[in-house]
């Protein structure tokens, strides 16, 4: 009897617990939230490859292009002074990167400024004389150091800065000072270089898949290289349409040469930065790097532009 009552009590308790369990779930089937179909996840909005960074690069470059055109149109002493100033800033960025190699900075500053001045007021022979005088200066300032260990490396790093930065600025002055069409030719070279760089970036973003120099510049692709070459060549040719003294064939030749050499200038700077463990040459332009980052291609194209101008136009 006791066991039966106990079992009956357990049954009642189990029934009570079951009823309460049912009450807990009662009405859930009427909840409209549970009947609603789950919404599929919204696909992320894809940004156009030409938006964002490409647009910022173009907008950021516009005022500097205007500045370059302005000093080119002025020419003369103002242009030479601007080249000296650009040389000083670029050398400063270069020496910050190579500080551990102890470059002989004063020699490079004096040499580049003197070479630019010689190019404007003298001839190419005068530039050569100034460049040759750099070696005695290196000795004078090198031998005066307290510790001369590693002076060969110091002199080599210094000369690299003079040649890489100084000689192209000399050619910019020589090109600008060409009679009659120097300013227009310099602007053509700058337009072709800018178009090549921007075209390579845009086409590389849209179609790039085959990297050409992953150890130097991982973002450089074959598709971008071809796109930049075509766009830069056509940009130079298009600029030549408004210059009756420059034939279409000559414009295509010069444009193709500028568009072909521009990526080499970019890759050369990347090689130097990679070896020195730097991402950018400086912070003058914030996220866009330093002045040397912006002029790396121009430092190559301006030299080619000068010699082709002398050969084809004069």
Protein backbone atom coordinates (compact mmCIF):
# COMPACT_ATOMS: atom_id res chain seq x y z
CA UNK A 1 0.00 0.00 0.00
CA UNK A 2 2.69 2.39 0.92
CA UNK A 3 4.55 1.60 -2.17
CA UNK A 4 1.44 2.11 -4.28
CA UNK A 5 0.80 5.49 -2.66
CA UNK A 6 4.36 6.40 -3.15
CA UNK A 7 4.16 5.42 -6.77
CA UNK A 8 0.91 7.33 -7.11
CA UNK A 9 2.53 10.39 -5.57
CA UNK A 10 5.45 10.08 -7.93
CA UNK A 11 3.02 9.79 -10.83
CA UNK A 12 1.19 12.88 -9.75
CA UNK A 13 4.44 14.79 -9.37
CA UNK A 14 5.58 13.61 -12.79
CA UNK A 15 2.25 14.68 -14.24
CA UNK A 16 2.54 18.03 -12.57
CA UNK A 17 6.05 18.53 -13.89
CA UNK A 18 4.97 17.43 -17.37
CA UNK A 19 1.99 19.82 -17.33
CA UNK A 20 4.27 22.66 -16.39
CA UNK A 21 6.71 21.67 -19.10
CA UNK A 22 3.87 21.78 -21.61
CA UNK A 23 2.83 25.19 -20.30
CA UNK A 24 6.34 26.48 -20.87
CA UNK A 25 6.16 25.65 -24.58
CA UNK A 26 2.52 26.62 -24.97
CA UNK A 27 1.98 29.46 -27.42
CA UNK A 28 5.41 29.28 -29.00
CA UNK A 29 3.88 27.96 -32.17
CA UNK A 30 1.90 31.19 -32.43
CA UNK A 31 5.04 33.33 -32.21
CA UNK A 32 5.34 35.11 -35.53
CA UNK A 33 9.12 35.32 -35.19
CA UNK A 34 9.54 31.55 -35.31
CA UNK A 35 7.45 31.30 -38.47
CA UNK A 36 9.47 33.93 -40.33
CA UNK A 37 11.88 32.54 -42.91
CA UNK A 38 15.51 33.39 -42.19
CA UNK A 39 16.78 36.08 -44.51
CA UNK A 40 19.75 35.14 -46.67
CA UNK A 41 22.92 37.08 -45.82
CA UNK A 42 23.28 40.23 -47.85
CA UNK A 43 26.03 39.99 -50.39
CA UNK A 44 28.80 42.48 -49.74
CA UNK A 45 28.79 45.41 -52.10
CA UNK A 46 31.72 45.18 -54.43
CA UNK A 47 33.59 48.37 -55.01
CA UNK A 48 34.67 49.26 -58.45
CA UNK A 49 38.42 48.84 -58.96
CA UNK A 50 38.56 52.37 -60.29
CA UNK A 51 37.08 53.87 -57.17
CA UNK A 52 38.74 54.53 -53.88
CA UNK A 53 42.51 54.47 -54.07
CA UNK A 54 42.73 55.16 -57.82
CA UNK A 55 40.48 58.21 -57.54
CA UNK A 56 42.46 59.47 -54.55
CA UNK A 57 45.71 59.05 -56.44
CA UNK A 58 44.38 61.09 -59.35
CA UNK A 59 42.86 63.82 -57.18
CA UNK A 60 46.00 64.02 -55.06
CA UNK A 61 48.21 64.34 -58.15
CA UNK A 62 46.22 67.14 -59.80
CA UNK A 63 47.62 70.06 -57.74
CA UNK A 64 51.15 68.75 -58.15
CA UNK A 65 50.68 68.43 -61.90
CA UNK A 66 49.47 72.03 -61.91
CA UNK A 67 52.57 73.04 -59.93
CA UNK A 68 54.84 71.18 -62.36
CA UNK A 69 53.18 72.86 -65.35
CA UNK A 70 53.44 76.27 -63.70
CA UNK A 71 57.18 76.10 -62.99
CA UNK A 72 57.75 74.60 -66.44
CA UNK A 73 55.97 77.51 -68.10
CA UNK A 74 57.98 80.00 -66.02
CA UNK A 75 61.24 78.31 -66.89
CA UNK A 76 64.52 80.13 -66.45
CA UNK A 77 65.89 80.75 -62.96
CA UNK A 78 62.60 79.90 -61.16
CA UNK A 79 62.62 76.45 -62.77
CA UNK A 80 66.28 75.89 -61.87
CA UNK A 81 65.63 76.95 -58.27
CA UNK A 82 62.65 74.57 -58.11
CA UNK A 83 64.89 71.72 -59.33
CA UNK A 84 67.44 72.50 -56.61
CA UNK A 85 64.69 72.49 -53.99
CA UNK A 86 63.31 69.18 -55.28
CA UNK A 87 66.83 67.75 -55.23
CA UNK A 88 67.35 68.79 -51.61
CA UNK A 89 64.07 67.21 -50.48
CA UNK A 90 64.70 63.98 -52.38
CA UNK A 91 68.25 63.73 -51.05
CA UNK A 92 66.99 64.30 -47.53
CA UNK A 93 64.54 61.40 -47.87
CA UNK A 94 67.27 59.23 -49.35
CA UNK A 95 69.72 60.01 -46.55
CA UNK A 96 67.14 59.24 -43.88
CA UNK A 97 66.77 55.78 -45.40
CA UNK A 98 70.53 55.24 -45.69
CA UNK A 99 71.55 56.85 -42.41
CA UNK A 100 73.07 53.63 -41.04
CA UNK A 101 75.48 53.58 -44.00
CA UNK A 102 76.84 57.02 -43.03
CA UNK A 103 76.51 58.90 -46.35
CA UNK A 104 78.60 62.06 -46.76
CA UNK A 105 75.55 64.28 -47.08
CA UNK A 106 77.08 67.72 -47.54
CA UNK A 107 78.92 66.56 -50.67
CA UNK A 108 75.72 65.32 -52.29
CA UNK A 109 73.77 68.50 -51.52
CA UNK A 110 76.52 70.71 -52.93
CA UNK A 111 77.07 68.49 -55.97
CA UNK A 112 73.39 68.29 -56.99
CA UNK A 113 72.80 72.03 -56.55
CA UNK A 114 75.98 72.90 -58.48
CA UNK A 115 75.10 70.48 -61.30
CA UNK A 116 71.65 72.01 -61.73
CA UNK A 117 73.09 75.53 -61.76
CA UNK A 118 75.74 74.44 -64.28
CA UNK A 119 73.05 72.94 -66.50
CA UNK A 120 71.08 76.20 -66.60
CA UNK A 121 73.92 78.71 -66.92
CA UNK A 122 76.41 76.50 -68.76
CA UNK A 123 76.49 73.41 -70.91
CA UNK A 124 76.58 69.66 -70.49
CA UNK A 125 80.38 69.94 -70.34
CA UNK A 126 80.09 72.19 -67.31
CA UNK A 127 77.85 69.63 -65.66
CA UNK A 128 80.49 66.98 -66.28
CA UNK A 129 83.16 69.18 -64.66
CA UNK A 130 81.01 69.64 -61.56
CA UNK A 131 80.26 65.91 -61.37
CA UNK A 132 83.98 65.16 -61.61
CA UNK A 133 84.71 67.61 -58.78
CA UNK A 134 82.51 65.48 -56.55
CA UNK A 135 85.33 62.94 -56.10
CA UNK A 136 87.86 65.35 -54.51
CA UNK A 137 85.08 66.60 -52.25
CA UNK A 138 84.34 63.05 -51.16
CA UNK A 139 87.99 62.64 -50.22
CA UNK A 140 88.15 65.92 -48.30
CA UNK A 141 85.06 65.23 -46.23
CA UNK A 142 85.70 61.50 -45.98
CA UNK A 143 89.26 61.69 -44.72
CA UNK A 144 88.28 64.25 -42.09
CA UNK A 145 86.02 61.75 -40.31
CA UNK A 146 86.96 60.56 -36.84
CA UNK A 147 86.49 56.96 -37.85
CA UNK A 148 87.14 56.14 -41.49
CA UNK A 149 86.01 52.53 -41.30
CA UNK A 150 83.44 51.86 -44.03
CA UNK A 151 84.24 55.04 -45.94
CA UNK A 152 84.08 53.19 -49.27
CA UNK A 153 80.46 52.26 -48.59
CA UNK A 154 79.74 55.81 -47.45
CA UNK A 155 81.15 57.26 -50.67
CA UNK A 156 79.28 54.72 -52.79
CA UNK A 157 75.96 55.52 -51.12
CA UNK A 158 76.62 59.23 -51.57
CA UNK A 159 77.42 58.87 -55.26
CA UNK A 160 74.27 56.80 -55.80
CA UNK A 161 72.21 59.70 -54.48
CA UNK A 162 74.02 62.18 -56.72
CA UNK A 163 73.55 60.06 -59.84
CA UNK A 164 70.03 58.79 -59.13
CA UNK A 165 68.58 62.16 -58.12
CA UNK A 166 70.97 64.82 -59.42
CA UNK A 167 71.51 63.74 -63.04
CA UNK A 168 67.78 63.47 -63.90
CA UNK A 169 67.19 66.96 -62.47
CA UNK A 170 70.03 68.19 -64.67
CA UNK A 171 68.30 66.65 -67.69
CA UNK A 172 65.03 68.31 -66.66
CA UNK A 173 66.78 71.69 -66.84
CA UNK A 174 68.44 70.82 -70.15
CA UNK A 175 65.10 69.70 -71.61
CA UNK A 176 63.25 72.79 -70.38
CA UNK A 177 65.96 75.08 -71.76
CA UNK A 178 65.75 73.66 -75.29
CA UNK A 179 64.76 76.49 -77.65
CA UNK A 180 61.14 77.03 -78.69
CA UNK A 181 59.60 73.72 -77.62
CA UNK A 182 61.42 72.77 -74.41
CA UNK A 183 58.53 73.54 -72.09
CA UNK A 184 56.01 71.65 -74.22
CA UNK A 185 58.27 68.61 -74.50
CA UNK A 186 58.84 68.53 -70.75
CA UNK A 187 55.09 68.68 -70.14
CA UNK A 188 54.57 65.89 -72.68
CA UNK A 189 57.04 63.69 -70.79
CA UNK A 190 55.32 64.41 -67.48
CA UNK A 191 51.89 63.67 -68.96
CA UNK A 192 53.13 60.41 -70.49
CA UNK A 193 54.73 59.36 -67.19
CA UNK A 194 51.63 60.17 -65.14
CA UNK A 195 49.36 58.40 -67.63
CA UNK A 196 51.59 55.32 -67.60
CA UNK A 197 51.64 55.13 -63.81
CA UNK A 198 47.90 55.69 -63.40
CA UNK A 199 47.00 53.41 -66.32
CA UNK A 200 49.17 50.60 -64.97
CA UNK A 201 47.59 50.92 -61.53
CA UNK A 202 44.02 50.95 -62.87
CA UNK A 203 44.40 48.08 -65.34
CA UNK A 204 46.36 46.09 -62.79
CA UNK A 205 43.54 46.47 -60.28
CA UNK A 206 40.93 45.42 -62.82
CA UNK A 207 42.67 42.65 -64.74
CA UNK A 208 45.98 41.93 -63.04
CA UNK A 209 46.78 38.32 -62.15
CA UNK A 210 50.35 37.65 -63.35
CA UNK A 211 52.94 39.25 -61.09
CA UNK A 212 56.14 40.39 -62.77
CA UNK A 213 58.35 41.26 -59.77
CA UNK A 214 56.89 39.76 -56.59
CA UNK A 215 60.16 40.16 -54.68
CA UNK A 216 60.42 43.87 -55.45
CA UNK A 217 56.88 45.13 -55.90
CA UNK A 218 54.19 42.48 -55.30
CA UNK A 219 51.41 44.59 -56.82
CA UNK A 220 53.05 44.95 -60.24
CA UNK A 221 51.36 42.72 -62.81
CA UNK A 222 51.89 41.94 -66.48
CA UNK A 223 48.38 43.17 -67.29
CA UNK A 224 49.09 46.46 -65.54
CA UNK A 225 52.41 46.79 -67.34
CA UNK A 226 50.77 46.35 -70.76
CA UNK A 227 47.86 48.63 -69.89
CA UNK A 228 50.17 51.34 -68.59
CA UNK A 229 52.35 51.12 -71.69
CA UNK A 230 49.40 51.51 -74.06
CA UNK A 231 47.76 54.32 -72.09
CA UNK A 232 51.03 56.22 -71.59
CA UNK A 233 51.96 55.93 -75.27
CA UNK A 234 48.56 57.15 -76.41
CA UNK A 235 48.59 59.99 -73.89
CA UNK A 236 51.90 61.29 -75.27
CA UNK A 237 50.63 60.87 -78.83
CA UNK A 238 47.40 62.68 -77.98
CA UNK A 239 49.35 65.60 -76.49
CA UNK A 240 51.36 65.73 -79.71
CA UNK A 241 48.21 66.25 -81.77
CA UNK A 242 48.12 69.85 -80.56
CA UNK A 243 51.78 70.49 -81.44
CA UNK A 244 52.23 70.87 -85.18
CA UNK A 245 56.03 70.75 -84.86
CA UNK A 246 55.85 67.19 -83.44
CA UNK A 247 54.84 64.54 -85.96
CA UNK A 248 52.54 61.69 -85.02
CA UNK A 249 55.26 59.09 -85.60
CA UNK A 250 57.76 60.96 -83.40
CA UNK A 251 55.12 61.35 -80.69
CA UNK A 252 54.42 57.62 -80.76
CA UNK A 253 58.14 56.80 -80.56
CA UNK A 254 58.72 59.16 -77.64
CA UNK A 255 55.54 58.08 -75.91
CA UNK A 256 56.44 54.40 -76.22
CA UNK A 257 59.94 55.06 -74.84
CA UNK A 258 58.58 57.03 -71.88
CA UNK A 259 55.91 54.41 -71.15
CA UNK A 260 58.48 51.60 -71.36
CA UNK A 261 61.07 53.19 -69.07
CA UNK A 262 58.65 54.52 -66.41
CA UNK A 263 58.07 51.12 -64.73
CA UNK A 264 61.84 50.61 -64.49
CA UNK A 265 62.14 53.80 -62.47
CA UNK A 266 59.39 52.59 -60.17
CA UNK A 267 60.99 49.16 -59.76
CA UNK A 268 64.42 50.69 -59.17
CA UNK A 269 63.06 52.70 -56.25
CA UNK A 270 61.27 49.60 -54.95
CA UNK A 271 64.54 47.65 -55.08
CA UNK A 272 66.33 50.32 -53.05
CA UNK A 273 63.52 50.54 -50.50
CA UNK A 274 63.23 46.78 -50.18
CA UNK A 275 66.95 46.44 -49.52
CA UNK A 276 66.80 49.20 -46.90
CA UNK A 277 63.68 47.74 -45.27
CA UNK A 278 61.46 50.72 -46.08
CA UNK A 279 57.94 50.85 -47.44
CA UNK A 280 58.05 54.52 -48.46
CA UNK A 281 60.84 57.01 -48.95
CA UNK A 282 59.17 59.55 -46.67
CA UNK A 283 55.94 60.99 -45.28
CA UNK A 284 55.70 64.29 -47.15
CA UNK A 285 52.49 63.17 -48.87
CA UNK A 286 51.11 61.13 -45.97
CA UNK A 287 49.79 57.75 -47.15
CA UNK A 288 51.15 58.47 -50.63
CA UNK A 289 54.74 58.39 -49.39
CA UNK A 290 57.52 60.88 -49.96
CA UNK A 291 58.58 63.09 -52.85
CA UNK A 292 61.01 60.44 -54.06
CA UNK A 293 58.12 57.97 -54.19
CA UNK A 294 56.21 60.34 -56.47
CA UNK A 295 59.16 61.08 -58.76
CA UNK A 296 60.73 57.62 -59.05
CA UNK A 297 59.45 57.08 -62.60
CA UNK A 298 60.09 60.70 -63.67
CA UNK A 299 63.75 60.37 -62.69
CA UNK A 300 64.08 57.80 -65.47
CA UNK A 301 61.68 59.15 -68.11
CA UNK A 302 63.06 62.70 -68.05
CA UNK A 303 66.46 61.45 -69.21
CA UNK A 304 65.01 59.43 -72.09
CA UNK A 305 62.72 62.32 -72.99
CA UNK A 306 65.64 64.73 -73.31
CA UNK A 307 67.76 62.61 -75.63
CA UNK A 308 64.83 61.63 -77.84
CA UNK A 309 63.79 65.28 -78.05
CA UNK A 310 67.27 66.27 -79.21
CA UNK A 311 67.33 63.41 -81.71
CA UNK A 312 63.81 63.70 -83.17
CA UNK A 313 62.80 67.34 -82.79
CA UNK A 314 66.06 69.30 -83.08
